[in-house]
Amino acid sequence: MIQVGDRKLTLNDFSDILFKEKEVVLDKTAVETVDTSFRFLQSFSSNKLIYGINTGFGPMAQYKVSEENLLELQYNLIRSHSSGAGNLMSPLLVKALMIARLNSLMQAYSGVHIEVVELLKELINKDVAPCIFEHGGVGASGDLVQLAHLGLVLIGEGEVIYEGAILPTADVFARLGIKPLTIHIREGLAILNGTSAMTGIGMINIIQAQKLLEWSVLLSAMINEVVEAFDDHFSYELNIVKHHNGQNKIAAQLREILSDSKMIRSRTEHLYNPDNLNQEVFEDKVQEYYSLRCVTQVLGPIYDTIVNAEKVVVNELNSVNDNPIIDHKNQNIFHGGNFHGDYVSLEMDKLKIAITKLSMLSERQLNYLLNTKLNQKFPQFLNLGVLGFNFGMQGMQFTATSTTAENQTLSFPMYVHSIPNNNDNQDIVSMGCNAALITKKVIDNSFEVLSIQMMTVLQAIDFLECTDRLSAKTKTIYTEIRNIFPKFIDDKPKYKDLENIKKYFEKADPVISFKLGSLR
């Protein structure tokens, strides 16, 4: 079980709820504090003008709402902003969104009735996913549209995804004995005002980006093995004089993976030996191509970017991102803009640029393996059949190249793409949910590129018949993936193999069958 409200949630907590299906429980003391916040708002709000309680919303805040319409005002907000479009978010993304919203409300600065947090906990634990659309939020007054669709389900309306089917919320609630939320004071605004959609998606992006990085390190180690690269480019001595944490972490991981490889060569033995100097033209390249030799310098900044993104987005996850802030401790209500998503938006843009670069490294390493003029070691397209009659990995390269190109186009930043709206009340916005969703697309694409690279590396290993010379760690991965994707000689469709490896990459624990070490 993961307890919410008694401490800050970590990335591991978040991952355990999503991927290990650990149950969410609410800390009793924190729930009591949520109730204290609600009761403070109840008493404080009488005979005062408070935004979103007895006023309209946004640019219509100057209009006072009559006493008899206060509760209906909250329902109107939820229903009017349930205006999303495009694809539905997957149940996994929606669950992440709900965890983020629950954790924010459990900070007890939103003045909501405890029914809200209890209901959110129930939906999370019973895997009831509100139907929430990708399009709609601009990430400034929170993820208004996405969270409105959450609110619509909480009040018993709209649709949910349950057991793989889209069903009316009322039917699923009746089947599971779930009581819809009753509005008490400002629950509508408190549900909508927040960064929980971009934050929840952002947390998943970071989890998956870490997996991608570990796979990229592993694949970089494997390609250096099959080409029998020299060992100094990932040596401690070379990398320690560059004072970047990420670069040195990646170098250490490569050394750990390749510590017992019988294929990596020592430059001292091969090129510093006087007996090997009696020739004018050397068959071996003195230095490998950049995609092999500069792995620590390329993946190092990506490592550091993921580490920083985790720090920022976890901070957002544990923050109060509502407006106004109901501060029962100081006996006051503070108006401002904690719903603004710039922190998450900027980190998602940085993360997607970093992951795009990771996919570019993968594509270049793949190209090196497939182009016999470059590697001077393998048949064209790692074709293990008859050249000219069979085609090997030729068709798969097109997919990798195309997908990498899409990543490059998607890497335009959303953070600087603010468009004023809401009668210019929201005159500068974060587009944070868009940034998080596009980053997810880049990550999904990159799993495809790395899967194609893995298929190619395995074919190279089989061409060399070198499994007994691989390091213990790379040999283990070779064996595991070959159980999914057998060696092939004759041409057969590969799209199902690609999908199977991609799913394996996405779902496997980052430590897989070895431990590279935490990014944190």
Protein backbone atom coordinates (compact mmCIF):
# COMPACT_ATOMS: atom_id res chain seq x y z
CA MET A 1 0.00 0.00 0.00
CA ILE A 2 1.06 3.59 -0.64
CA GLN A 3 -0.11 6.10 1.97
CA VAL A 4 -0.99 9.55 0.67
CA GLY A 5 -0.94 12.70 2.77
CA ASP A 6 1.60 11.88 5.46
CA ARG A 7 4.72 12.61 3.38
CA LYS A 8 5.87 13.62 -0.08
CA LEU A 9 5.23 11.07 -2.81
CA THR A 10 8.32 9.91 -4.70
CA LEU A 11 8.74 8.73 -8.26
CA ASN A 12 8.97 5.17 -6.93
CA ASP A 13 5.69 5.59 -5.03
CA PHE A 14 4.04 6.83 -8.18
CA SER A 15 5.46 3.96 -10.21
CA ASP A 16 4.34 1.39 -7.65
CA ILE A 17 0.74 2.62 -7.77
CA LEU A 18 0.68 2.66 -11.58
CA PHE A 19 2.72 -0.38 -12.55
CA LYS A 20 2.63 -2.62 -9.49
CA GLU A 21 -1.00 -1.80 -8.71
CA LYS A 22 -0.33 -0.96 -5.09
CA GLU A 23 -3.40 0.28 -3.26
CA VAL A 24 -3.72 3.92 -2.23
CA VAL A 25 -4.65 4.66 1.38
CA LEU A 26 -5.27 8.09 2.88
CA ASP A 27 -3.41 9.14 5.99
CA LYS A 28 -6.01 9.70 8.72
CA THR A 29 -4.34 12.79 10.14
CA ALA A 30 -4.09 14.33 6.67
CA VAL A 31 -7.80 13.62 6.03
CA GLU A 32 -8.62 15.38 9.30
CA THR A 33 -6.62 18.38 8.10
CA VAL A 34 -8.55 18.36 4.80
CA ASP A 35 -11.71 18.52 6.89
CA THR A 36 -10.26 21.37 8.98
CA SER A 37 -9.54 23.31 5.77
CA PHE A 38 -13.09 22.73 4.57
CA ARG A 39 -14.63 23.91 7.84
CA PHE A 40 -12.42 26.99 7.90
CA LEU A 41 -13.61 27.91 4.39
CA GLN A 42 -17.19 27.27 5.42
CA SER A 43 -16.99 29.81 8.23
CA PHE A 44 -14.62 32.29 6.59
CA SER A 45 -16.52 32.62 3.31
CA SER A 46 -19.71 34.03 4.76
CA ASN A 47 -20.18 37.77 4.12
CA LYS A 48 -17.05 38.00 1.96
CA LEU A 49 -16.46 38.24 -1.76
CA ILE A 50 -14.23 35.30 -2.68
CA TYR A 51 -13.29 34.32 -6.22
CA GLY A 52 -15.01 31.22 -7.46
CA ILE A 53 -17.30 30.87 -4.46
CA ASN A 54 -19.69 33.74 -4.95
CA THR A 55 -18.28 35.21 -8.17
CA GLY A 56 -18.11 34.15 -11.77
CA PHE A 57 -14.91 32.68 -13.19
CA GLY A 58 -12.03 34.13 -15.19
CA PRO A 59 -12.88 37.46 -16.84
CA MET A 60 -16.43 37.19 -15.42
CA ALA A 61 -15.15 37.35 -11.85
CA GLN A 62 -16.63 40.83 -11.45
CA TYR A 63 -20.13 39.32 -11.49
CA LYS A 64 -21.47 38.36 -8.09
CA VAL A 65 -23.48 35.15 -7.89
CA SER A 66 -26.56 35.08 -5.71
CA GLU A 67 -26.68 32.92 -2.58
CA GLU A 68 -29.24 30.48 -3.96
CA ASN A 69 -27.06 29.72 -7.02
CA LEU A 70 -23.70 29.13 -5.31
CA LEU A 71 -23.71 25.33 -5.48
CA GLU A 72 -25.14 25.24 -8.99
CA LEU A 73 -22.31 27.57 -10.02
CA GLN A 74 -19.81 24.76 -9.31
CA TYR A 75 -21.82 22.27 -11.36
CA ASN A 76 -22.02 24.81 -14.20
CA LEU A 77 -18.23 25.17 -14.16
CA ILE A 78 -17.66 21.42 -14.44
CA ARG A 79 -20.25 20.89 -17.17
CA SER A 80 -19.34 23.93 -19.26
CA HIS A 81 -15.64 23.07 -19.31
CA SER A 82 -16.16 19.41 -20.18
CA SER A 83 -15.31 20.36 -23.74
CA GLY A 84 -12.32 18.22 -24.65
CA ALA A 85 -11.65 16.72 -28.06
CA GLY A 86 -9.23 14.43 -29.87
CA ASN A 87 -8.12 11.05 -28.58
CA LEU A 88 -9.07 9.78 -25.16
CA MET A 89 -6.19 9.50 -22.74
CA SER A 90 -5.29 5.92 -21.87
CA PRO A 91 -6.48 4.59 -18.49
CA LEU A 92 -2.85 4.65 -17.33
CA LEU A 93 -2.51 8.38 -18.01
CA VAL A 94 -5.85 9.07 -16.36
CA LYS A 95 -4.85 7.10 -13.27
CA ALA A 96 -1.66 9.16 -13.11
CA LEU A 97 -3.72 12.35 -13.38
CA MET A 98 -5.98 11.24 -10.51
CA ILE A 99 -3.03 10.36 -8.28
CA ALA A 100 -1.58 13.83 -8.90
CA ARG A 101 -4.90 15.56 -8.19
CA LEU A 102 -5.48 13.51 -5.04
CA ASN A 103 -2.02 14.31 -3.71
CA SER A 104 -2.52 18.03 -4.29
CA LEU A 105 -5.91 18.10 -2.57
CA MET A 106 -4.49 16.10 0.35
CA GLN A 107 -2.20 19.06 1.13
CA ALA A 108 -5.37 20.61 2.65
CA TYR A 109 -5.16 24.02 1.01
CA SER A 110 -8.19 23.70 -1.29
CA GLY A 111 -11.11 23.79 1.15
CA VAL A 112 -12.75 20.67 -0.31
CA HIS A 113 -15.04 18.26 1.50
CA ILE A 114 -13.40 14.95 2.38
CA GLU A 115 -15.84 13.25 -0.02
CA VAL A 116 -13.57 14.41 -2.88
CA VAL A 117 -10.41 12.71 -1.67
CA GLU A 118 -12.26 9.58 -0.61
CA LEU A 119 -13.90 9.30 -4.04
CA LEU A 120 -10.65 9.87 -5.91
CA LYS A 121 -8.99 7.16 -3.82
CA GLU A 122 -11.82 4.76 -4.65
CA LEU A 123 -11.61 5.38 -8.40
CA ILE A 124 -7.83 4.89 -8.36
CA ASN A 125 -8.00 1.64 -6.41
CA LYS A 126 -10.87 0.22 -8.48
CA ASP A 127 -9.26 1.18 -11.81
CA VAL A 128 -12.18 3.33 -12.93
CA ALA A 129 -10.76 5.79 -15.47
CA PRO A 130 -12.82 8.86 -16.38
CA CYS A 131 -12.97 9.54 -20.12
CA ILE A 132 -10.59 12.49 -20.50
CA PHE A 133 -9.58 13.93 -23.86
CA GLU A 134 -6.08 14.94 -24.91
CA HIS A 135 -7.10 18.28 -26.44
CA GLY A 136 -8.38 21.23 -24.44
CA GLY A 137 -6.01 22.41 -21.74
CA VAL A 138 -3.72 25.41 -22.14
CA GLY A 139 -2.03 24.77 -18.80
CA ALA A 140 -2.51 28.16 -17.23
CA SER A 141 -5.60 28.16 -15.02
CA GLY A 142 -4.61 24.58 -14.53
CA ASP A 143 -5.50 21.77 -16.89
CA LEU A 144 -9.05 23.08 -16.87
CA VAL A 145 -10.63 21.00 -19.61
CA GLN A 146 -8.97 17.71 -18.71
CA LEU A 147 -9.81 18.15 -15.04
CA ALA A 148 -13.36 19.21 -15.88
CA HIS A 149 -13.88 15.77 -17.42
CA LEU A 150 -12.57 14.30 -14.17
CA GLY A 151 -15.04 16.49 -12.27
CA LEU A 152 -17.87 15.39 -14.55
CA VAL A 153 -17.29 11.78 -13.57
CA LEU A 154 -16.92 12.63 -9.89
CA ILE A 155 -20.43 14.11 -9.90
CA GLY A 156 -21.70 10.92 -11.55
CA GLU A 157 -21.99 12.14 -15.14
CA GLY A 158 -20.10 11.47 -18.38
CA GLU A 159 -18.37 8.20 -19.20
CA VAL A 160 -15.58 6.06 -17.79
CA ILE A 161 -13.30 3.34 -19.08
CA TYR A 162 -13.82 0.26 -16.91
CA GLU A 163 -12.59 -3.26 -17.65
CA GLY A 164 -11.63 -2.14 -21.15
CA ALA A 165 -15.03 -0.71 -22.12
CA ILE A 166 -16.40 2.84 -22.32
CA LEU A 167 -19.48 2.92 -20.10
CA PRO A 168 -21.80 5.54 -18.59
CA THR A 169 -20.44 6.70 -15.25
CA ALA A 170 -23.80 6.22 -13.55
CA ASP A 171 -23.92 2.54 -14.55
CA VAL A 172 -20.40 1.79 -13.28
CA PHE A 173 -20.97 3.70 -10.04
CA ALA A 174 -24.18 1.75 -9.45
CA ARG A 175 -22.44 -1.58 -10.14
CA LEU A 176 -19.57 -0.78 -7.76
CA GLY A 177 -21.66 0.93 -5.11
CA ILE A 178 -19.90 4.27 -5.55
CA LYS A 179 -21.69 7.44 -4.41
CA PRO A 180 -21.20 10.49 -6.68
CA LEU A 181 -19.74 13.66 -5.26
CA THR A 182 -22.06 16.28 -3.78
CA ILE A 183 -20.88 19.88 -4.16
CA HIS A 184 -20.54 21.60 -0.78
CA ILE A 185 -18.75 24.92 -1.40
CA ARG A 186 -16.07 25.14 -4.13
CA GLU A 187 -15.32 21.53 -5.08
CA GLY A 188 -15.86 22.27 -8.79
CA LEU A 189 -13.17 24.95 -8.95
CA ALA A 190 -10.84 23.00 -6.65
CA ILE A 191 -10.98 19.98 -8.95
CA LEU A 192 -10.40 22.03 -12.13
CA ASN A 193 -7.72 24.45 -10.90
CA GLY A 194 -4.49 22.51 -11.01
CA THR A 195 -1.60 21.08 -12.99
CA SER A 196 -2.51 17.46 -12.34
CA ALA A 197 -2.93 16.32 -15.95
CA MET A 198 0.46 17.59 -17.10
CA THR A 199 2.05 16.43 -13.83
CA GLY A 200 0.62 12.92 -13.96
CA ILE A 201 1.64 12.47 -17.59
CA GLY A 202 4.99 14.05 -16.81
CA MET A 203 5.66 11.52 -14.05
CA ILE A 204 5.00 8.64 -16.45
CA ASN A 205 7.25 10.30 -19.03
CA ILE A 206 10.11 10.43 -16.54
CA ILE A 207 9.65 6.78 -15.55
CA GLN A 208 9.70 5.72 -19.21
CA ALA A 209 12.56 8.07 -20.11
CA GLN A 210 14.68 6.38 -17.44
CA LYS A 211 13.94 3.01 -19.05
CA LEU A 212 14.86 4.36 -22.48
CA LEU A 213 18.16 5.69 -21.18
CA GLU A 214 19.09 2.37 -19.61
CA TRP A 215 18.24 0.54 -22.84
CA SER A 216 20.28 3.07 -24.81
CA VAL A 217 23.29 2.53 -22.55
CA LEU A 218 22.90 -1.22 -22.94
CA LEU A 219 22.57 -1.04 -26.72
CA SER A 220 25.57 1.28 -26.93
CA ALA A 221 27.56 -1.28 -24.96
CA MET A 222 26.42 -4.09 -27.26
CA ILE A 223 27.30 -2.26 -30.48
CA ASN A 224 30.74 -1.45 -29.09
CA GLU A 225 31.14 -5.15 -28.39
CA VAL A 226 30.15 -6.40 -31.84
CA VAL A 227 32.47 -3.95 -33.59
CA GLU A 228 35.26 -4.77 -31.10
CA ALA A 229 35.76 -1.14 -30.13
CA PHE A 230 38.59 0.16 -27.98
CA ASP A 231 37.94 0.63 -24.28
CA ASP A 232 39.38 4.07 -23.59
CA HIS A 233 36.39 6.17 -24.69
CA PHE A 234 34.38 5.00 -21.66
CA SER A 235 37.39 4.77 -19.32
CA TYR A 236 37.39 6.47 -15.93
CA GLU A 237 40.51 8.45 -16.79
CA LEU A 238 39.10 9.99 -19.96
CA ASN A 239 35.70 10.90 -18.56
CA ILE A 240 36.68 12.17 -15.12
CA VAL A 241 38.44 15.18 -16.62
CA LYS A 242 35.06 16.32 -17.98
CA HIS A 243 33.24 17.60 -14.91
CA HIS A 244 29.67 16.52 -15.69
CA ASN A 245 27.88 14.08 -13.44
CA GLY A 246 25.81 12.50 -16.22
CA GLN A 247 28.79 11.78 -18.45
CA ASN A 248 30.63 10.05 -15.64
CA LYS A 249 27.54 8.06 -14.62
CA ILE A 250 27.10 6.79 -18.19
CA ALA A 251 30.79 5.90 -18.42
CA ALA A 252 30.57 3.96 -15.15
CA GLN A 253 27.52 2.07 -16.43
CA LEU A 254 29.33 1.12 -19.64
CA ARG A 255 32.32 -0.11 -17.66
CA GLU A 256 30.04 -2.17 -15.42
CA ILE A 257 28.22 -3.78 -18.34
CA LEU A 258 31.39 -4.52 -20.30
CA SER A 259 33.70 -5.45 -17.43
CA ASP A 260 33.95 -9.11 -18.47
CA SER A 261 33.50 -8.75 -22.24
CA LYS A 262 35.98 -10.65 -24.36
CA MET A 263 35.29 -8.45 -27.40
CA ILE A 264 36.23 -4.96 -26.20
CA ARG A 265 39.87 -4.25 -27.03
CA SER A 266 42.61 -2.44 -25.17
CA ARG A 267 44.19 0.39 -27.12
CA THR A 268 47.41 -0.17 -25.21
CA GLU A 269 47.66 -3.75 -26.44
CA HIS A 270 46.67 -3.12 -30.06
CA LEU A 271 47.82 0.35 -31.04
CA TYR A 272 50.54 1.19 -28.55
CA ASN A 273 52.42 -2.04 -29.26
CA PRO A 274 55.52 -1.36 -31.42
CA ASP A 275 55.04 -4.73 -33.15
CA ASN A 276 51.82 -3.46 -34.74
CA LEU A 277 53.29 -0.27 -36.22
CA ASN A 278 55.08 -1.76 -39.24
CA GLN A 279 52.40 -0.83 -41.77
CA GLU A 280 51.47 2.29 -43.70
CA VAL A 281 47.68 1.83 -43.73
CA PHE A 282 45.91 0.38 -40.72
CA GLU A 283 42.88 -1.85 -41.24
CA ASP A 284 41.44 -0.79 -37.90
CA LYS A 285 40.18 2.73 -37.47
CA VAL A 286 42.34 4.48 -34.89
CA GLN A 287 39.17 6.04 -33.50
CA GLU A 288 35.58 4.86 -33.87
CA TYR A 289 32.74 6.91 -35.37
CA TYR A 290 31.18 9.42 -32.98
CA SER A 291 28.02 7.36 -32.45
CA LEU A 292 30.23 4.71 -30.84
CA ARG A 293 33.02 6.81 -29.33
CA CYS A 294 31.00 9.72 -27.93
CA VAL A 295 28.28 7.76 -26.10
CA THR A 296 29.17 9.21 -22.70
CA GLN A 297 29.16 12.77 -24.05
CA VAL A 298 25.80 12.28 -25.83
CA LEU A 299 23.92 10.31 -23.17
CA GLY A 300 25.43 12.24 -20.25
CA PRO A 301 23.34 15.40 -20.79
CA ILE A 302 20.28 13.20 -21.27
CA TYR A 303 20.95 11.59 -17.89
CA ASP A 304 21.25 15.00 -16.25
CA THR A 305 18.08 16.23 -17.97
CA ILE A 306 16.05 13.29 -16.66
CA VAL A 307 17.42 13.78 -13.14
CA ASN A 308 16.41 17.46 -13.16
CA ALA A 309 13.00 16.73 -14.68
CA GLU A 310 12.31 14.24 -11.91
CA LYS A 311 13.23 16.80 -9.26
CA VAL A 312 10.98 19.50 -10.74
CA VAL A 313 7.96 17.35 -11.55
CA VAL A 314 8.05 15.53 -8.19
CA ASN A 315 8.10 18.96 -6.54
CA GLU A 316 5.01 19.87 -8.58
CA LEU A 317 3.35 16.59 -7.63
CA ASN A 318 3.74 17.47 -3.96
CA SER A 319 2.74 21.12 -4.34
CA VAL A 320 -0.52 22.96 -3.90
CA ASN A 321 -1.58 24.05 -7.39
CA ASP A 322 -5.02 25.47 -6.67
CA ASN A 323 -6.38 29.04 -6.68
CA PRO A 324 -7.30 30.61 -4.40
CA ILE A 325 -5.30 28.96 -1.60
CA ILE A 326 -7.44 28.22 1.44
CA ASP A 327 -4.96 28.72 4.28
CA HIS A 328 -6.59 27.58 7.53
CA LYS A 329 -3.28 27.93 9.39
CA ASN A 330 -3.03 31.66 8.70
CA GLN A 331 -6.81 32.07 8.73
CA ASN A 332 -6.86 33.69 5.31
CA ILE A 333 -7.46 33.07 1.62
CA PHE A 334 -4.78 34.01 -0.91
CA HIS A 335 -5.42 34.63 -4.61
CA GLY A 336 -2.71 34.07 -7.20
CA GLY A 337 -1.58 31.67 -9.91
CA ASN A 338 -0.26 28.40 -8.46
CA PHE A 339 -2.22 26.62 -11.18
CA HIS A 340 0.23 27.89 -13.81
CA GLY A 341 2.13 25.00 -15.40
CA ASP A 342 5.37 26.59 -16.55
CA TYR A 343 7.61 24.41 -14.40
CA VAL A 344 6.22 21.20 -15.88
CA SER A 345 5.96 22.58 -19.41
CA LEU A 346 9.60 23.64 -19.53
CA GLU A 347 10.83 20.32 -18.12
CA MET A 348 8.74 18.35 -20.60
CA ASP A 349 10.19 20.36 -23.49
CA LYS A 350 13.72 19.76 -22.21
CA LEU A 351 12.96 16.07 -21.72
CA LYS A 352 11.54 15.57 -25.21
CA ILE A 353 14.55 17.30 -26.79
CA ALA A 354 16.84 15.02 -24.78
CA ILE A 355 14.92 11.88 -25.75
CA THR A 356 14.87 12.96 -29.39
CA LYS A 357 18.67 13.15 -29.24
CA LEU A 358 18.68 9.67 -27.70
CA SER A 359 16.65 8.36 -30.65
CA MET A 360 19.05 10.11 -33.05
CA LEU A 361 22.00 8.32 -31.43
CA SER A 362 20.15 5.03 -31.78
CA GLU A 363 19.36 5.70 -35.44
CA ARG A 364 23.01 6.54 -36.21
CA GLN A 365 24.26 3.42 -34.42
CA LEU A 366 21.71 1.42 -36.39
CA ASN A 367 22.87 2.99 -39.65
CA TYR A 368 26.47 2.10 -38.81
CA LEU A 369 25.54 -1.56 -38.39
CA LEU A 370 23.52 -1.67 -41.61
CA ASN A 371 25.97 0.18 -43.87
CA THR A 372 28.79 -2.20 -44.80
CA LYS A 373 30.81 0.73 -46.21
CA LEU A 374 30.96 2.17 -42.70
CA ASN A 375 31.42 -0.92 -40.56
CA GLN A 376 33.40 -3.03 -43.09
CA LYS A 377 32.40 -6.03 -41.00
CA PHE A 378 28.81 -7.05 -41.64
CA PRO A 379 26.78 -7.85 -44.77
CA GLN A 380 24.49 -5.12 -46.07
CA PHE A 381 21.46 -4.59 -43.81
CA LEU A 382 22.68 -7.46 -41.60
CA ASN A 383 21.27 -9.80 -44.23
CA LEU A 384 21.98 -13.34 -43.06
CA GLY A 385 20.45 -14.79 -46.23
CA VAL A 386 21.38 -14.40 -49.91
CA LEU A 387 22.47 -10.88 -50.84
CA GLY A 388 20.20 -9.44 -53.50
CA PHE A 389 17.56 -12.10 -52.91
CA ASN A 390 16.96 -11.50 -49.19
CA PHE A 391 16.77 -8.08 -47.56
CA GLY A 392 17.62 -8.49 -43.86
CA MET A 393 16.84 -5.35 -41.84
CA GLN A 394 16.51 -3.05 -44.87
CA GLY A 395 12.78 -2.48 -44.47
CA MET A 396 13.05 -1.88 -40.73
CA GLN A 397 15.56 0.92 -41.22
CA PHE A 398 12.96 2.98 -43.06
CA THR A 399 10.72 2.84 -39.99
CA ALA A 400 13.53 3.87 -37.66
CA THR A 401 14.56 6.78 -39.89
CA SER A 402 11.00 7.99 -40.37
CA THR A 403 10.21 7.78 -36.67
CA THR A 404 13.38 9.63 -35.68
CA ALA A 405 12.49 12.39 -38.16
CA GLU A 406 9.06 12.71 -36.55
CA ASN A 407 10.74 13.13 -33.16
CA GLN A 408 12.87 15.92 -34.53
CA THR A 409 9.81 17.80 -35.76
CA LEU A 410 7.93 17.20 -32.49
CA SER A 411 10.82 18.74 -30.54
CA PHE A 412 9.67 22.31 -31.19
CA PRO A 413 9.04 23.68 -27.67
CA MET A 414 5.50 24.23 -26.38
CA TYR A 415 6.81 26.36 -23.50
CA VAL A 416 7.29 29.37 -25.78
CA HIS A 417 4.08 28.80 -27.72
CA SER A 418 1.70 30.75 -25.50
CA ILE A 419 -1.55 31.94 -27.12
CA PRO A 420 -3.69 34.37 -25.06
CA ASN A 421 -7.32 33.32 -24.59
CA ASN A 422 -10.21 33.59 -22.14
CA ASN A 423 -10.87 37.22 -23.15
CA ASP A 424 -7.14 37.78 -22.58
CA ASN A 425 -7.54 37.01 -18.88
CA GLN A 426 -5.18 34.11 -19.55
CA ASP A 427 -2.76 36.29 -21.48
CA ILE A 428 0.28 34.07 -20.98
CA VAL A 429 -0.11 30.32 -20.65
CA SER A 430 2.14 27.26 -20.28
CA MET A 431 0.63 24.72 -22.71
CA GLY A 432 1.91 22.22 -20.15
CA CYS A 433 -0.47 19.37 -20.94
CA ASN A 434 0.34 19.66 -24.64
CA ALA A 435 4.04 19.60 -23.76
CA ALA A 436 3.62 16.47 -21.64
CA LEU A 437 1.54 14.65 -24.28
CA ILE A 438 3.96 15.47 -27.10
CA THR A 439 6.84 14.31 -24.91
CA LYS A 440 4.98 11.05 -24.39
CA LYS A 441 4.73 10.67 -28.18
CA VAL A 442 8.48 11.24 -28.54
CA ILE A 443 9.12 8.62 -25.85
CA ASP A 444 6.78 6.12 -27.51
CA ASN A 445 8.52 6.72 -30.83
CA SER A 446 11.93 6.23 -29.27
CA PHE A 447 10.97 2.82 -27.92
CA GLU A 448 10.26 1.86 -31.53
CA VAL A 449 13.65 3.08 -32.76
CA LEU A 450 15.55 1.30 -29.99
CA SER A 451 13.56 -1.89 -30.62
CA ILE A 452 14.69 -1.88 -34.26
CA GLN A 453 18.24 -1.27 -33.13
CA MET A 454 18.03 -4.24 -30.76
CA MET A 455 16.75 -6.49 -33.55
CA THR A 456 19.74 -5.46 -35.65
CA VAL A 457 22.31 -5.92 -32.89
CA LEU A 458 21.05 -9.46 -32.27
CA GLN A 459 21.41 -10.27 -35.96
CA ALA A 460 24.98 -8.92 -35.82
CA ILE A 461 25.79 -11.13 -32.85
CA ASP A 462 24.47 -14.18 -34.69
CA PHE A 463 26.43 -13.29 -37.83
CA LEU A 464 29.63 -13.18 -35.75
CA GLU A 465 28.65 -16.26 -33.70
CA CYS A 466 30.14 -14.48 -30.71
CA THR A 467 27.68 -15.11 -27.87
CA ASP A 468 30.37 -16.86 -25.83
CA ARG A 469 32.52 -13.69 -26.00
CA LEU A 470 29.82 -11.27 -24.84
CA SER A 471 29.80 -9.86 -21.35
CA ALA A 472 27.56 -11.72 -18.90
CA LYS A 473 25.07 -8.86 -18.85
CA THR A 474 24.76 -8.41 -22.61
CA LYS A 475 24.57 -12.18 -23.11
CA THR A 476 21.64 -12.31 -20.69
CA ILE A 477 19.81 -9.64 -22.65
CA TYR A 478 20.65 -11.40 -25.92
CA THR A 479 19.04 -14.58 -24.59
CA GLU A 480 15.96 -12.80 -23.21
CA ILE A 481 15.22 -10.89 -26.40
CA ARG A 482 15.91 -13.89 -28.64
CA ASN A 483 13.07 -15.65 -26.81
CA ILE A 484 10.82 -12.89 -28.15
CA PHE A 485 12.50 -12.40 -31.53
CA PRO A 486 14.25 -15.50 -32.97
CA LYS A 487 17.12 -15.26 -35.43
CA PHE A 488 15.87 -14.95 -39.01
CA ILE A 489 17.38 -15.63 -42.42
CA ASP A 490 14.39 -15.79 -44.76
CA ASP A 491 12.33 -12.63 -45.25
CA LYS A 492 9.21 -12.46 -43.11
CA PRO A 493 7.05 -9.57 -41.84
CA LYS A 494 8.68 -7.96 -38.83
CA TYR A 495 6.00 -5.60 -37.54
CA LYS A 496 4.80 -8.02 -34.86
CA ASP A 497 8.35 -8.68 -33.69
CA LEU A 498 8.87 -4.92 -33.43
CA GLU A 499 5.71 -4.51 -31.36
CA ASN A 500 6.66 -7.39 -29.05
CA ILE A 501 10.12 -6.00 -28.33
CA LYS A 502 8.72 -2.51 -27.84
CA LYS A 503 6.23 -3.81 -25.26
CA TYR A 504 9.03 -5.66 -23.51
CA PHE A 505 11.15 -2.52 -23.39
CA GLU A 506 8.25 -0.43 -22.06
CA LYS A 507 7.12 -2.86 -19.37
CA ALA A 508 10.40 -4.32 -18.17
CA ASP A 509 11.72 -3.04 -14.89
CA PRO A 510 14.61 -0.68 -15.65
CA VAL A 511 16.99 -2.99 -13.79
CA ILE A 512 15.89 -5.78 -16.15
CA SER A 513 18.15 -8.70 -15.23
CA PHE A 514 21.05 -6.55 -14.11
CA LYS A 515 21.39 -3.32 -12.15
CA LEU A 516 22.86 -0.27 -13.80
CA GLY A 517 22.14 1.90 -10.80
CA SER A 518 19.48 4.48 -10.03
CA LEU A 519 19.42 7.78 -11.86
CA ARG A 520 18.89 9.54 -8.55
